[in-house]
Amino acid sequence: MDFGIIGAGVIGQALAGHLVAAGHRVVLSNSRGPDTLGDTVARLGPSATAGTVAQAAAADMVFLAVRWQDIPAALADVPSWDGRILVDTTNQIAGPAPGDHVDLGSDTGSEFVARHAPGARVVKAFNTLYARYIAPDPRHAEGRQLLFYAGDDADAKTAFHAVADEIGFAPVDAGPLRDGGRLMQVGGGPLSALHALKQD
């Protein structure tokens, strides 16, 4: 499976590192263009390449790892999703201060993302973990880092579960995109910032 990552910050690079270590090809992209990612992909290794957002979004499974305010612009560069899997790692955080959460009313963050990516099969994941828990090896002597995910498409969730398991996490299905997304949502979701290990 080929992977694309929209966003080359801490989380995007961490995910790329895990996927490359597992032997997958990854296209990493950002808003400034592939020319700005030379050092990053060189550090990741030959399985990682830099591309445009549209090129990253053409992969079988795509990870969205941009700031909340950048979501509409990032997804606007993708003309069609055609049923490809979009893994939404974002949180509706407007600024650096604690509590700077965007009020979405009754919607969840991933419902907002899904509206900006029509035709994508959206899976919510990685948003409950701080970046410092995503980047290291999730396999520990005491167990594997739990990774909650949610989505409405059973096949997309199965595919994501397999990938998350392969790169070392202990994936846990939190339910549909709306209900599971609400459990995982920053600013009140009981699974948000819950860091735990699964004892295998």
Foldseek 3Di string as FASTA:
>chain_A
DEAEEEDDPLQSLLVLLLQVVLPHAYEYEYPVAQVVCVVSQVVSDDSYGYGYLQVRLVDQEYEYDDALVCLLVSLVVHPANQARAYEYQYAQADDDDPPRGDCPDLFFPVVVNCVSHPNYFYKYKNNQADSVCRRDQQQDPQAGKEIEMAGDDPVSVVVVCVSCVSSTHNYDYQYHCNRSRQLQHPPDRVSRNDIDGDRD
